[in-house]
């Protein structure tokens, strides 16, 4: 799995970057967002607004896999940004994709 695109966002919101993820099988999932929360950076899955005005995730990721993807995204964000905002996650190369 790899980050196929990461665009930094320099606006005044908590959004820090937009990214796409590519699986080993070549499937690209677009629309992830890296957000600055009260506990640091976190990955927000692609979502859409429902008829009730609430946002719903379009992609569901198991917790362990999401932690790995978040670590990849933060690593790439820091590489592009030149910062040191890190997250401690065990990198498991045996992810399902």
PDB file of N, CA and C in Angstrom:
ATOM      1  N   UNK A   1       0.851  -1.163   0.000  1.00  0.00           N
ATOM      2  CA  UNK A   1       0.000   0.000   0.000  1.00  0.00           C
ATOM      3  C   UNK A   1       0.898   1.227   0.000  1.00  0.00           C
ATOM      4  N   UNK A   2       0.462   2.254  -0.732  1.00  0.00           N
ATOM      5  CA  UNK A   2       1.257   3.471  -0.776  1.00  0.00           C
ATOM      6  C   UNK A   2       0.354   4.682  -0.962  1.00  0.00           C
ATOM      7  N   UNK A   3       0.893   5.830  -0.630  1.00  0.00           N
ATOM      8  CA  UNK A   3       0.210   7.097  -0.864  1.00  0.00           C
ATOM      9  C   UNK A   3       0.490   7.457  -2.317  1.00  0.00           C
ATOM     10  N   UNK A   4      -0.540   7.490  -3.159  1.00  0.00           N
ATOM     11  CA  UNK A   4      -0.315   7.781  -4.571  1.00  0.00           C
ATOM     12  C   UNK A   4      -0.343   9.282  -4.857  1.00  0.00           C
ATOM     13  N   UNK A   5      -0.986  10.053  -3.992  1.00  0.00           N
ATOM     14  CA  UNK A   5      -1.033  11.512  -4.154  1.00  0.00           C
ATOM     15  C   UNK A   5      -1.262  12.124  -2.790  1.00  0.00           C
ATOM     16  N   UNK A   6      -0.508  13.163  -2.466  1.00  0.00           N
ATOM     17  CA  UNK A   6      -0.733  13.925  -1.245  1.00  0.00           C
ATOM     18  C   UNK A   6      -0.517  15.398  -1.590  1.00  0.00           C
ATOM     19  N   UNK A   7      -1.585  16.174  -1.482  1.00  0.00           N
ATOM     20  CA  UNK A   7      -1.510  17.605  -1.737  1.00  0.00           C
ATOM     21  C   UNK A   7      -1.662  18.343  -0.420  1.00  0.00           C
ATOM     22  N   UNK A   8      -0.659  19.131  -0.066  1.00  0.00           N
ATOM     23  CA  UNK A   8      -0.727  19.933   1.152  1.00  0.00           C
ATOM     24  C   UNK A   8      -1.771  21.017   0.993  1.00  0.00           C
ATOM     25  N   UNK A   9      -2.467  21.330   2.086  1.00  0.00           N
ATOM     26  CA  UNK A   9      -3.460  22.387   2.088  1.00  0.00           C
ATOM     27  C   UNK A   9      -2.995  23.454   3.067  1.00  0.00           C
ATOM     28  N   UNK A  10      -2.826  24.653   2.607  1.00  0.00           N
ATOM     29  CA  UNK A  10      -2.273  25.737   3.422  1.00  0.00           C
ATOM     30  C   UNK A  10      -3.332  26.718   3.903  1.00  0.00           C
ATOM     31  N   UNK A  11      -4.597  26.346   3.898  1.00  0.00           N
ATOM     32  CA  UNK A  11      -5.664  27.234   4.337  1.00  0.00           C
ATOM     33  C   UNK A  11      -5.674  27.416   5.840  1.00  0.00           C
ATOM     34  N   UNK A  12      -6.694  28.098   6.350  1.00  0.00           N
ATOM     35  CA  UNK A  12      -6.785  28.394   7.780  1.00  0.00           C
ATOM     36  C   UNK A  12      -7.631  27.376   8.539  1.00  0.00           C
ATOM     37  N   UNK A  13      -8.061  26.310   7.886  1.00  0.00           N
ATOM     38  CA  UNK A  13      -8.858  25.287   8.560  1.00  0.00           C
ATOM     39  C   UNK A  13      -7.940  24.241   9.182  1.00  0.00           C
ATOM     40  N   UNK A  14      -8.532  23.242   9.810  1.00  0.00           N
ATOM     41  CA  UNK A  14      -7.753  22.161  10.421  1.00  0.00           C
ATOM     42  C   UNK A  14      -7.302  21.135   9.394  1.00  0.00           C
ATOM     43  N   UNK A  15      -7.811  21.222   8.170  1.00  0.00           N
ATOM     44  CA  UNK A  15      -7.391  20.324   7.106  1.00  0.00           C
ATOM     45  C   UNK A  15      -5.948  20.640   6.731  1.00  0.00           C
ATOM     46  N   UNK A  16      -5.097  19.610   6.690  1.00  0.00           N
ATOM     47  CA  UNK A  16      -3.680  19.790   6.391  1.00  0.00           C
ATOM     48  C   UNK A  16      -3.287  19.238   5.032  1.00  0.00           C
ATOM     49  N   UNK A  17      -3.999  18.189   4.555  1.00  0.00           N
ATOM     50  CA  UNK A  17      -3.647  17.604   3.269  1.00  0.00           C
ATOM     51  C   UNK A  17      -4.794  16.749   2.743  1.00  0.00           C
ATOM     52  N   UNK A  18      -4.798  16.578   1.430  1.00  0.00           N
ATOM     53  CA  UNK A  18      -5.721  15.671   0.755  1.00  0.00           C
ATOM     54  C   UNK A  18      -4.874  14.577   0.129  1.00  0.00           C
ATOM     55  N   UNK A  19      -5.354  13.325   0.173  1.00  0.00           N
ATOM     56  CA  UNK A  19      -4.533  12.242  -0.349  1.00  0.00           C
ATOM     57  C   UNK A  19      -5.345  11.105  -0.919  1.00  0.00           C
ATOM     58  N   UNK A  20      -4.676  10.333  -1.771  1.00  0.00           N
ATOM     59  CA  UNK A  20      -5.229   9.118  -2.351  1.00  0.00           C
ATOM     60  C   UNK A  20      -4.306   7.973  -1.971  1.00  0.00           C
ATOM     61  N   UNK A  21      -4.878   6.792  -1.825  1.00  0.00           N
ATOM     62  CA  UNK A  21      -4.112   5.609  -1.432  1.00  0.00           C
ATOM     63  C   UNK A  21      -4.254   4.560  -2.521  1.00  0.00           C
ATOM     64  N   UNK A  22      -3.143   3.915  -2.862  1.00  0.00           N
ATOM     65  CA  UNK A  22      -3.151   2.845  -3.852  1.00  0.00           C
ATOM     66  C   UNK A  22      -2.789   1.532  -3.190  1.00  0.00           C
ATOM     67  N   UNK A  23      -3.607   0.498  -3.417  1.00  0.00           N
ATOM     68  CA  UNK A  23      -3.340  -0.826  -2.866  1.00  0.00           C
ATOM     69  C   UNK A  23      -2.323  -1.551  -3.731  1.00  0.00           C
ATOM     70  N   UNK A  24      -1.813  -2.663  -3.238  1.00  0.00           N
ATOM     71  CA  UNK A  24      -0.852  -3.467  -3.995  1.00  0.00           C
ATOM     72  C   UNK A  24      -1.477  -4.035  -5.271  1.00  0.00           C
ATOM     73  N   UNK A  25      -2.802  -4.173  -5.276  1.00  0.00           N
ATOM     74  CA  UNK A  25      -3.500  -4.678  -6.459  1.00  0.00           C
ATOM     75  C   UNK A  25      -3.744  -3.583  -7.496  1.00  0.00           C
ATOM     76  N   UNK A  26      -3.378  -2.351  -7.168  1.00  0.00           N
ATOM     77  CA  UNK A  26      -3.543  -1.247  -8.107  1.00  0.00           C
ATOM     78  C   UNK A  26      -4.844  -0.475  -7.958  1.00  0.00           C
ATOM     79  N   UNK A  27      -5.609  -0.774  -6.920  1.00  0.00           N
ATOM     80  CA  UNK A  27      -6.863  -0.048  -6.670  1.00  0.00           C
ATOM     81  C   UNK A  27      -6.531   1.259  -5.968  1.00  0.00           C
ATOM     82  N   UNK A  28      -7.037   2.367  -6.503  1.00  0.00           N
ATOM     83  CA  UNK A  28      -6.803   3.671  -5.898  1.00  0.00           C
ATOM     84  C   UNK A  28      -8.076   4.138  -5.208  1.00  0.00           C
ATOM     85  N   UNK A  29      -7.941   4.505  -3.940  1.00  0.00           N
ATOM     86  CA  UNK A  29      -9.061   5.043  -3.162  1.00  0.00           C
ATOM     87  C   UNK A  29      -8.776   6.521  -2.973  1.00  0.00           C
ATOM     88  N   UNK A  30      -9.646   7.359  -3.526  1.00  0.00           N
ATOM     89  CA  UNK A  30      -9.439   8.808  -3.506  1.00  0.00           C
ATOM     90  C   UNK A  30     -10.291   9.461  -2.438  1.00  0.00           C
ATOM     91  N   UNK A  31      -9.809  10.605  -1.953  1.00  0.00           N
ATOM     92  CA  UNK A  31     -10.633  11.433  -1.091  1.00  0.00           C
ATOM     93  C   UNK A  31     -10.327  11.402   0.388  1.00  0.00           C
ATOM     94  N   UNK A  32      -9.174  10.864   0.802  1.00  0.00           N
ATOM     95  CA  UNK A  32      -8.802  10.899   2.208  1.00  0.00           C
ATOM     96  C   UNK A  32      -8.344  12.312   2.565  1.00  0.00           C
ATOM     97  N   UNK A  33      -8.501  12.679   3.823  1.00  0.00           N
ATOM     98  CA  UNK A  33      -8.092  13.989   4.316  1.00  0.00           C
ATOM     99  C   UNK A  33      -7.274  13.809   5.581  1.00  0.00           C
ATOM    100  N   UNK A  34      -6.172  14.535   5.691  1.00  0.00           N
ATOM    101  CA  UNK A  34      -5.363  14.559   6.904  1.00  0.00           C
ATOM    102  C   UNK A  34      -5.767  15.812   7.668  1.00  0.00           C
ATOM    103  N   UNK A  35      -6.214  15.629   8.915  1.00  0.00           N
ATOM    104  CA  UNK A  35      -6.801  16.708   9.700  1.00  0.00           C
ATOM    105  C   UNK A  35      -6.035  16.887  11.008  1.00  0.00           C
ATOM    106  N   UNK A  36      -5.863  18.136  11.442  1.00  0.00           N
ATOM    107  CA  UNK A  36      -5.231  18.446  12.729  1.00  0.00           C
ATOM    108  C   UNK A  36      -6.326  18.466  13.792  1.00  0.00           C
ATOM    109  N   UNK A  37      -6.321  17.458  14.662  1.00  0.00           N
ATOM    110  CA  UNK A  37      -7.291  17.382  15.740  1.00  0.00           C
ATOM    111  C   UNK A  37      -6.666  17.808  17.055  1.00  0.00           C
ATOM    112  N   UNK A  38      -7.417  17.725  18.130  1.00  0.00           N
ATOM    113  CA  UNK A  38      -6.916  18.131  19.442  1.00  0.00           C
ATOM    114  C   UNK A  38      -5.796  17.208  19.939  1.00  0.00           C
ATOM    115  N   UNK A  39      -5.737  15.972  19.419  1.00  0.00           N
ATOM    116  CA  UNK A  39      -4.692  15.018  19.807  1.00  0.00           C
ATOM    117  C   UNK A  39      -3.667  14.792  18.704  1.00  0.00           C
ATOM    118  N   UNK A  40      -3.576  15.697  17.752  1.00  0.00           N
ATOM    119  CA  UNK A  40      -2.624  15.564  16.659  1.00  0.00           C
ATOM    120  C   UNK A  40      -3.310  15.241  15.346  1.00  0.00           C
ATOM    121  N   UNK A  41      -2.498  14.846  14.369  1.00  0.00           N
ATOM    122  CA  UNK A  41      -3.022  14.544  13.046  1.00  0.00           C
ATOM    123  C   UNK A  41      -3.777  13.218  13.035  1.00  0.00           C
ATOM    124  N   UNK A  42      -4.871  13.181  12.244  1.00  0.00           N
ATOM    125  CA  UNK A  42      -5.592  11.924  12.046  1.00  0.00           C
ATOM    126  C   UNK A  42      -6.099  11.876  10.615  1.00  0.00           C
ATOM    127  N   UNK A  43      -6.384  10.675  10.145  1.00  0.00           N
ATOM    128  CA  UNK A  43      -6.835  10.454   8.787  1.00  0.00           C
ATOM    129  C   UNK A  43      -8.351  10.344   8.765  1.00  0.00           C
ATOM    130  N   UNK A  44      -8.969  11.135   7.904  1.00  0.00           N
ATOM    131  CA  UNK A  44     -10.409  11.093   7.723  1.00  0.00           C
ATOM    132  C   UNK A  44     -10.702  10.389   6.406  1.00  0.00           C
ATOM    133  N   UNK A  45     -11.573   9.381   6.453  1.00  0.00           N
ATOM    134  CA  UNK A  45     -11.912   8.611   5.265  1.00  0.00           C
ATOM    135  C   UNK A  45     -12.802   9.442   4.337  1.00  0.00           C
ATOM    136  N   UNK A  46     -12.838   9.069   3.057  1.00  0.00           N
ATOM    137  CA  UNK A  46     -13.751   9.756   2.137  1.00  0.00           C
ATOM    138  C   UNK A  46     -15.183   9.651   2.653  1.00  0.00           C
ATOM    139  N   UNK A  47     -15.932  10.734   2.542  1.00  0.00           N
ATOM    140  CA  UNK A  47     -17.301  10.728   3.056  1.00  0.00           C
ATOM    141  C   UNK A  47     -18.207  11.515   2.125  1.00  0.00           C
ATOM    142  N   UNK A  48     -19.508  11.355   2.354  1.00  0.00           N
ATOM    143  CA  UNK A  48     -20.486  12.110   1.584  1.00  0.00           C
ATOM    144  C   UNK A  48     -21.605  12.560   2.514  1.00  0.00           C
ATOM    145  N   UNK A  49     -22.236  13.649   2.141  1.00  0.00           N
ATOM    146  CA  UNK A  49     -23.302  14.221   2.952  1.00  0.00           C
ATOM    147  C   UNK A  49     -24.610  13.513   2.638  1.00  0.00           C
ATOM    148  N   UNK A  50     -25.280  13.041   3.694  1.00  0.00           N
ATOM    149  CA  UNK A  50     -26.555  12.375   3.533  1.00  0.00           C
ATOM    150  C   UNK A  50     -27.698  13.368   3.454  1.00  0.00           C
ATOM    151  N   UNK A  51     -28.885  12.873   3.180  1.00  0.00           N
ATOM    152  CA  UNK A  51     -30.070  13.732   3.086  1.00  0.00           C
ATOM    153  C   UNK A  51     -30.390  14.411   4.404  1.00  0.00           C
ATOM    154  N   UNK A  52     -29.913  13.826   5.504  1.00  0.00           N
ATOM    155  CA  UNK A  52     -30.152  14.397   6.824  1.00  0.00           C
ATOM    156  C   UNK A  52     -29.129  15.468   7.202  1.00  0.00           C
ATOM    157  N   UNK A  53     -28.182  15.771   6.291  1.00  0.00           N
ATOM    158  CA  UNK A  53     -27.175  16.800   6.548  1.00  0.00           C
ATOM    159  C   UNK A  53     -25.928  16.303   7.253  1.00  0.00           C
ATOM    160  N   UNK A  54     -25.915  15.031   7.674  1.00  0.00           N
ATOM    161  CA  UNK A  54     -24.744  14.457   8.336  1.00  0.00           C
ATOM    162  C   UNK A  54     -23.820  13.837   7.298  1.00  0.00           C
ATOM    163  N   UNK A  55     -22.528  13.732   7.653  1.00  0.00           N
ATOM    164  CA  UNK A  55     -21.554  13.117   6.762  1.00  0.00           C
ATOM    165  C   UNK A  55     -21.352  11.656   7.142  1.00  0.00           C
ATOM    166  N   UNK A  56     -21.265  10.798   6.125  1.00  0.00           N
ATOM    167  CA  UNK A  56     -21.094   9.361   6.321  1.00  0.00           C
ATOM    168  C   UNK A  56     -19.875   8.879   5.542  1.00  0.00           C
ATOM    169  N   UNK A  57     -19.056   8.026   6.193  1.00  0.00           N
ATOM    170  CA  UNK A  57     -17.875   7.466   5.535  1.00  0.00           C
ATOM    171  C   UNK A  57     -18.291   6.598   4.354  1.00  0.00           C
ATOM    172  N   UNK A  58     -17.547   6.716   3.267  1.00  0.00           N
ATOM    173  CA  UNK A  58     -17.780   5.885   2.086  1.00  0.00           C
ATOM    174  C   UNK A  58     -16.876   4.657   2.098  1.00  0.00           C
ATOM    175  N   UNK A  59     -15.811   4.704   2.902  1.00  0.00           N
ATOM    176  CA  UNK A  59     -14.856   3.600   3.003  1.00  0.00           C
ATOM    177  C   UNK A  59     -14.697   3.261   4.476  1.00  0.00           C
ATOM    178  N   UNK A  60     -14.842   1.967   4.798  1.00  0.00           N
ATOM    179  CA  UNK A  60     -14.652   1.523   6.171  1.00  0.00           C
ATOM    180  C   UNK A  60     -13.354   0.728   6.255  1.00  0.00           C
ATOM    181  N   UNK A  61     -12.508   1.111   7.203  1.00  0.00           N
ATOM    182  CA  UNK A  61     -11.196   0.501   7.355  1.00  0.00           C
ATOM    183  C   UNK A  61     -11.067  -0.038   8.777  1.00  0.00           C
ATOM    184  N   UNK A  62     -10.644  -1.312   8.936  1.00  0.00           N
ATOM    185  CA  UNK A  62     -10.412  -1.849  10.278  1.00  0.00           C
ATOM    186  C   UNK A  62      -9.389  -0.995  11.034  1.00  0.00           C
ATOM    187  N   UNK A  63      -9.503  -0.969  12.345  1.00  0.00           N
ATOM    188  CA  UNK A  63      -8.695  -0.086  13.190  1.00  0.00           C
ATOM    189  C   UNK A  63      -7.193  -0.224  12.941  1.00  0.00           C
ATOM    190  N   UNK A  64      -6.675  -1.455  12.945  1.00  0.00           N
ATOM    191  CA  UNK A  64      -5.237  -1.664  12.778  1.00  0.00           C
ATOM    192  C   UNK A  64      -4.753  -1.163  11.414  1.00  0.00           C
ATOM    193  N   UNK A  65      -5.519  -1.452  10.378  1.00  0.00           N
ATOM    194  CA  UNK A  65      -5.160  -1.003   9.039  1.00  0.00           C
ATOM    195  C   UNK A  65      -5.230   0.522   8.945  1.00  0.00           C
ATOM    196  N   UNK A  66      -6.231   1.113   9.572  1.00  0.00           N
ATOM    197  CA  UNK A  66      -6.343   2.574   9.551  1.00  0.00           C
ATOM    198  C   UNK A  66      -5.154   3.220  10.255  1.00  0.00           C
ATOM    199  N   UNK A  67      -4.685   2.604  11.342  1.00  0.00           N
ATOM    200  CA  UNK A  67      -3.502   3.121  12.030  1.00  0.00           C
ATOM    201  C   UNK A  67      -2.285   3.084  11.116  1.00  0.00           C
ATOM    202  N   UNK A  68      -2.137   1.997  10.354  1.00  0.00           N
ATOM    203  CA  UNK A  68      -1.019   1.880   9.425  1.00  0.00           C
ATOM    204  C   UNK A  68      -1.118   2.905   8.299  1.00  0.00           C
ATOM    205  N   UNK A  69      -2.302   3.084   7.757  1.00  0.00           N
ATOM    206  CA  UNK A  69      -2.501   4.060   6.681  1.00  0.00           C
ATOM    207  C   UNK A  69      -2.270   5.474   7.214  1.00  0.00           C
ATOM    208  N   UNK A  70      -2.734   5.736   8.431  1.00  0.00           N
ATOM    209  CA  UNK A  70      -2.519   7.049   9.050  1.00  0.00           C
ATOM    210  C   UNK A  70      -1.028   7.318   9.217  1.00  0.00           C
ATOM    211  N   UNK A  71      -0.281   6.305   9.664  1.00  0.00           N
ATOM    212  CA  UNK A  71       1.165   6.464   9.824  1.00  0.00           C
ATOM    213  C   UNK A  71       1.832   6.764   8.484  1.00  0.00           C
ATOM    214  N   UNK A  72       1.417   6.069   7.419  1.00  0.00           N
ATOM    215  CA  UNK A  72       1.952   6.337   6.086  1.00  0.00           C
ATOM    216  C   UNK A  72       1.657   7.770   5.658  1.00  0.00           C
ATOM    217  N   UNK A  73       0.427   8.206   5.881  1.00  0.00           N
ATOM    218  CA  UNK A  73       0.015   9.550   5.478  1.00  0.00           C
ATOM    219  C   UNK A  73       0.781  10.620   6.250  1.00  0.00           C
ATOM    220  N   UNK A  74       0.940  10.432   7.551  1.00  0.00           N
ATOM    221  CA  UNK A  74       1.664  11.413   8.370  1.00  0.00           C
ATOM    222  C   UNK A  74       3.142  11.440   7.981  1.00  0.00           C
ATOM    223  N   UNK A  75       3.700  10.267   7.692  1.00  0.00           N
ATOM    224  CA  UNK A  75       5.103  10.206   7.260  1.00  0.00           C
ATOM    225  C   UNK A  75       5.295  10.986   5.955  1.00  0.00           C
ATOM    226  N   UNK A  76       4.404  10.777   4.999  1.00  0.00           N
ATOM    227  CA  UNK A  76       4.509  11.489   3.719  1.00  0.00           C
ATOM    228  C   UNK A  76       4.257  12.980   3.898  1.00  0.00           C
ATOM    229  N   UNK A  77       3.288  13.329   4.737  1.00  0.00           N
ATOM    230  CA  UNK A  77       2.997  14.737   5.031  1.00  0.00           C
ATOM    231  C   UNK A  77       4.239  15.417   5.622  1.00  0.00           C
ATOM    232  N   UNK A  78       4.856  14.772   6.597  1.00  0.00           N
ATOM    233  CA  UNK A  78       6.059  15.329   7.228  1.00  0.00           C
ATOM    234  C   UNK A  78       7.217  15.438   6.244  1.00  0.00           C
ATOM    235  N   UNK A  79       7.326  14.455   5.349  1.00  0.00           N
ATOM    236  CA  UNK A  79       8.386  14.496   4.352  1.00  0.00           C
ATOM    237  C   UNK A  79       8.200  15.713   3.435  1.00  0.00           C
ATOM    238  N   UNK A  80       6.968  15.933   2.997  1.00  0.00           N
ATOM    239  CA  UNK A  80       6.700  17.067   2.111  1.00  0.00           C
ATOM    240  C   UNK A  80       6.759  18.400   2.848  1.00  0.00           C
ATOM    241  N   UNK A  81       6.307  18.397   4.078  1.00  0.00           N
ATOM    242  CA  UNK A  81       6.250  19.619   4.872  1.00  0.00           C
ATOM    243  C   UNK A  81       7.603  19.949   5.501  1.00  0.00           C
ATOM    244  N   UNK A  82       8.388  18.919   5.778  1.00  0.00           N
ATOM    245  CA  UNK A  82       9.686  19.122   6.413  1.00  0.00           C
ATOM    246  C   UNK A  82       9.588  19.229   7.916  1.00  0.00           C
ATOM    247  N   UNK A  83       8.478  18.757   8.502  1.00  0.00           N
ATOM    248  CA  UNK A  83       8.261  18.843   9.945  1.00  0.00           C
ATOM    249  C   UNK A  83       8.577  17.554  10.652  1.00  0.00           C
ATOM    250  N   UNK A  84       8.170  17.491  11.938  1.00  0.00           N
ATOM    251  CA  UNK A  84       8.454  16.301  12.737  1.00  0.00           C
ATOM    252  C   UNK A  84       7.238  15.871  13.547  1.00  0.00           C
ATOM    253  N   UNK A  85       6.054  16.025  13.003  1.00  0.00           N
ATOM    254  CA  UNK A  85       4.819  15.626  13.669  1.00  0.00           C
ATOM    255  C   UNK A  85       4.650  14.126  13.479  1.00  0.00           C
ATOM    256  N   UNK A  86       4.993  13.315  14.478  1.00  0.00           N
ATOM    257  CA  UNK A  86       5.037  11.868  14.299  1.00  0.00           C
ATOM    258  C   UNK A  86       3.928  11.164  15.050  1.00  0.00           C
ATOM    259  N   UNK A  87       3.720   9.899  14.688  1.00  0.00           N
ATOM    260  CA  UNK A  87       2.755   9.043  15.363  1.00  0.00           C
ATOM    261  C   UNK A  87       3.445   7.704  15.596  1.00  0.00           C
ATOM    262  N   UNK A  88       3.215   7.091  16.740  1.00  0.00           N
ATOM    263  CA  UNK A  88       3.826   5.800  17.048  1.00  0.00           C
ATOM    264  C   UNK A  88       2.835   4.694  16.731  1.00  0.00           C
ATOM    265  N   UNK A  89       3.090   3.988  15.639  1.00  0.00           N
ATOM    266  CA  UNK A  89       2.254   2.867  15.234  1.00  0.00           C
ATOM    267  C   UNK A  89       3.197   1.767  14.777  1.00  0.00           C
ATOM    268  N   UNK A  90       2.909   0.525  15.196  1.00  0.00           N
ATOM    269  CA  UNK A  90       3.715  -0.588  14.715  1.00  0.00           C
ATOM    270  C   UNK A  90       3.463  -0.754  13.229  1.00  0.00           C
ATOM    271  N   UNK A  91       4.499  -0.644  12.417  1.00  0.00           N
ATOM    272  CA  UNK A  91       4.350  -0.853  10.979  1.00  0.00           C
ATOM    273  C   UNK A  91       4.286  -2.339  10.730  1.00  0.00           C
ATOM    274  N   UNK A  92       3.140  -2.792  10.237  1.00  0.00           N
ATOM    275  CA  UNK A  92       2.922  -4.192   9.930  1.00  0.00           C
ATOM    276  C   UNK A  92       2.857  -4.336   8.419  1.00  0.00           C
ATOM    277  N   UNK A  93       3.853  -4.987   7.849  1.00  0.00           N
ATOM    278  CA  UNK A  93       3.889  -5.157   6.406  1.00  0.00           C
ATOM    279  C   UNK A  93       2.881  -6.195   5.924  1.00  0.00           C
ATOM    280  N   UNK A  94       2.239  -6.901   6.842  1.00  0.00           N
ATOM    281  CA  UNK A  94       1.279  -7.933   6.465  1.00  0.00           C
ATOM    282  C   UNK A  94      -0.139  -7.387   6.448  1.00  0.00           C
ATOM    283  N   UNK A  95      -0.337  -6.202   5.871  1.00  0.00           N
ATOM    284  CA  UNK A  95      -1.677  -5.636   5.768  1.00  0.00           C
ATOM    285  C   UNK A  95      -2.398  -6.324   4.622  1.00  0.00           C
ATOM    286  N   UNK A  96      -3.726  -6.390   4.666  1.00  0.00           N
ATOM    287  CA  UNK A  96      -4.465  -7.130   3.657  1.00  0.00           C
ATOM    288  C   UNK A  96      -4.324  -6.599   2.236  1.00  0.00           C
ATOM    289  N   UNK A  97      -3.881  -5.345   2.079  1.00  0.00           N
ATOM    290  CA  UNK A  97      -3.648  -4.840   0.722  1.00  0.00           C
ATOM    291  C   UNK A  97      -2.570  -3.824   0.703  1.00  0.00           C
TER     292      UNK A  97
END
